[in-house]
Protein backbone atom coordinates (compact mmCIF):
# COMPACT_ATOMS: atom_id res chain seq x y z
CA MET A 1 27.62 49.83 73.77
CA ARG A 2 29.24 48.80 70.50
CA HIS A 3 29.81 45.26 71.72
CA PRO A 4 26.11 44.17 71.46
CA VAL A 5 25.94 45.62 67.93
CA HIS A 6 29.05 43.72 66.88
CA MET A 7 27.69 40.54 68.43
CA ALA A 8 24.38 40.96 66.59
CA ALA A 9 26.22 41.50 63.30
CA LEU A 10 28.37 38.43 63.92
CA VAL A 11 25.27 36.32 64.67
CA LEU A 12 23.62 37.48 61.43
CA ILE A 13 26.73 36.66 59.41
CA VAL A 14 27.01 33.17 60.94
CA LEU A 15 23.31 32.52 60.39
CA SER A 16 23.50 33.64 56.77
CA PHE A 17 26.39 31.25 56.10
CA ARG A 18 24.56 28.41 57.83
CA ALA A 19 21.36 29.17 55.89
CA GLY A 20 23.29 28.86 52.64
CA ALA A 21 24.37 25.35 53.58
CA GLN A 22 20.91 24.09 54.45
CA PRO A 23 18.94 21.87 52.11
CA THR A 24 16.52 23.62 49.79
CA SER A 25 13.56 24.28 52.06
CA GLN A 26 10.80 25.01 49.61
CA PRO A 27 9.23 21.74 48.44
CA ASN A 28 8.49 23.13 44.98
CA ASP A 29 12.09 24.38 44.57
CA ARG A 30 13.45 21.04 45.73
CA ALA A 31 11.16 19.07 43.42
CA ALA A 32 12.11 21.28 40.46
CA ALA A 33 15.82 20.88 41.22
CA GLU A 34 15.44 17.09 41.51
CA ARG A 35 13.62 16.91 38.17
CA ALA A 36 16.32 19.01 36.49
CA LEU A 37 19.12 16.94 38.02
CA PHE A 38 17.53 13.61 37.10
CA ALA A 39 16.96 14.89 33.56
CA ALA A 40 20.65 15.88 33.37
CA GLU A 41 21.69 12.40 34.52
CA ASP A 42 19.43 10.87 31.85
CA ARG A 43 20.93 13.18 29.17
CA TRP A 44 24.34 11.88 30.29
CA ALA A 45 23.22 8.28 29.66
CA ARG A 46 21.84 9.20 26.21
CA ALA A 47 25.08 11.06 25.39
CA LEU A 48 27.01 7.85 26.04
CA ILE A 49 24.89 6.04 23.44
CA ARG A 50 25.18 8.86 20.88
CA ARG A 51 28.83 9.64 21.70
CA ASP A 52 27.66 13.22 21.97
CA GLY A 53 30.64 15.38 22.92
CA ALA A 54 28.60 18.59 22.72
CA GLU A 55 26.11 17.28 25.31
CA PHE A 56 28.93 16.24 27.64
CA ASP A 57 30.47 19.68 27.18
CA ARG A 58 27.19 21.28 28.32
CA LEU A 59 26.75 18.93 31.29
CA ILE A 60 30.32 19.04 32.61
CA ALA A 61 31.86 22.13 34.25
CA PRO A 62 35.31 23.23 33.01
CA ASP A 63 37.22 22.09 36.13
CA TRP A 64 35.28 18.81 36.58
CA ILE A 65 37.17 15.89 38.08
CA TYR A 66 36.30 12.22 37.56
CA SER A 67 37.45 9.35 39.73
CA ASP A 68 37.04 5.60 39.36
CA GLU A 69 39.01 2.43 40.07
CA ARG A 70 41.54 3.40 37.34
CA GLY A 71 42.39 6.83 38.74
CA THR A 72 41.29 10.39 37.94
CA MET A 73 40.82 12.43 34.79
CA GLY A 74 39.59 15.86 33.75
CA LYS A 75 36.86 17.02 31.42
CA ARG A 76 38.66 16.88 28.04
CA GLN A 77 40.22 13.48 28.65
CA ALA A 78 36.89 12.02 29.79
CA ILE A 79 34.90 13.45 26.88
CA THR A 80 37.46 11.96 24.49
CA GLU A 81 37.16 8.58 26.20
CA PHE A 82 33.34 8.73 26.27
CA THR A 83 33.08 9.64 22.58
CA THR A 84 35.97 7.84 20.86
CA GLY A 85 36.96 4.96 23.15
CA ALA A 86 36.79 1.27 22.29
CA ASP A 87 33.45 0.80 24.10
CA THR A 88 30.32 1.27 22.01
CA VAL A 89 27.33 1.78 24.31
CA THR A 90 24.09 0.68 22.64
CA ASP A 91 21.76 1.07 25.64
CA ALA A 92 22.06 2.92 28.96
CA GLY A 93 19.92 4.24 31.76
CA ASN A 94 19.75 5.21 35.40
CA GLU A 95 18.05 3.60 38.34
CA GLY A 96 17.67 4.39 42.02
CA MET A 97 18.60 8.06 41.66
CA ARG A 98 18.47 10.22 44.78
CA ALA A 99 19.19 13.93 44.92
CA HIS A 100 20.46 15.85 47.93
CA VAL A 101 19.97 19.53 47.13
CA TYR A 102 21.68 22.31 49.10
CA GLY A 103 20.72 25.57 47.43
CA THR A 104 22.88 25.83 44.30
CA THR A 105 24.80 22.63 45.05
CA ALA A 106 23.53 19.07 44.81
CA VAL A 107 24.74 15.50 45.08
CA VAL A 108 23.05 12.81 42.99
CA THR A 109 23.61 9.12 43.68
CA GLY A 110 22.37 6.23 41.61
CA ILE A 111 23.28 3.38 39.32
CA LEU A 112 24.10 3.84 35.64
CA TRP A 113 23.72 0.65 33.64
CA THR A 114 25.17 0.22 30.18
CA LYS A 115 25.08 -2.44 27.48
CA GLY A 116 27.14 -2.57 24.33
CA HIS A 117 30.29 -4.04 22.86
CA SER A 118 34.02 -3.45 22.89
CA LYS A 119 36.08 -4.77 19.99
CA GLY A 120 33.20 -7.10 19.09
CA VAL A 121 32.76 -8.50 22.61
CA PRO A 122 29.41 -7.72 24.30
CA PHE A 123 29.42 -6.12 27.74
CA GLN A 124 27.07 -5.08 30.52
CA HIS A 125 28.11 -2.74 33.31
CA ARG A 126 26.46 -1.30 36.40
CA TYR A 127 28.18 1.75 37.85
CA ARG A 128 27.27 3.05 41.31
CA TYR A 129 27.94 6.77 41.06
CA THR A 130 28.06 9.97 43.04
CA ASP A 131 27.84 13.16 40.98
CA THR A 132 28.23 16.61 42.48
CA TRP A 133 26.38 19.38 40.64
CA LEU A 134 26.56 23.16 40.90
CA ARG A 135 24.13 25.65 39.44
CA LEU A 136 26.35 27.74 37.13
CA GLY A 137 25.08 30.29 34.64
CA GLY A 138 21.46 29.35 35.34
CA ARG A 139 21.91 25.61 34.71
CA TRP A 140 23.17 22.58 36.56
CA GLN A 141 26.71 21.50 35.67
CA CYS A 142 28.55 18.51 37.04
CA ILE A 143 31.68 19.51 38.97
CA ALA A 144 32.82 16.09 40.25
CA SER A 145 31.99 12.44 39.59
CA GLN A 146 33.01 9.19 41.19
CA ASP A 147 31.84 5.77 40.15
CA TYR A 148 32.44 2.13 40.87
CA ASP A 149 31.99 -0.66 38.32
CA MET A 150 29.82 -3.06 40.31
CA PRO A 151 30.22 -6.80 39.80
CA LEU A 152 27.27 -8.31 37.96
CA ARG A 153 25.03 -10.34 40.21
CA ALA A 154 25.15 -14.07 39.77
CA ARG A 155 22.11 -15.30 37.91
CA GLY A 156 20.23 -18.03 39.70
């Protein structure tokens, strides 16, 4: 008779793990998470302009990993590059953001555009990005980022 009890327990365990991996089901919870994530992405763009290391420190989890066409780097190296590098960002923003929320984990995709100058030479960039966020300590923190510096479209 113990076999049906064990099977029922196993089914409940499997279902609980599967439920944890499902997208946020409550529309209000999902909408609130999306708003918070989009706001975090916008704070990231503003932090680039202000070279705000403290904001990056709040947004980025301790073991965050970043990947782009140059390779990978961790949190401290990236914050140093974002705040003291040769590029001076004078304007930045996000477009086309989409959030995919799975409970306390989310993936945000979009395009970050930047304008500024580097060693006196003006630049414009468009980065297609994928950021992975985890709700840690009651707030969303970025745990992994990947971006691609998109070629600028030819102007016609």
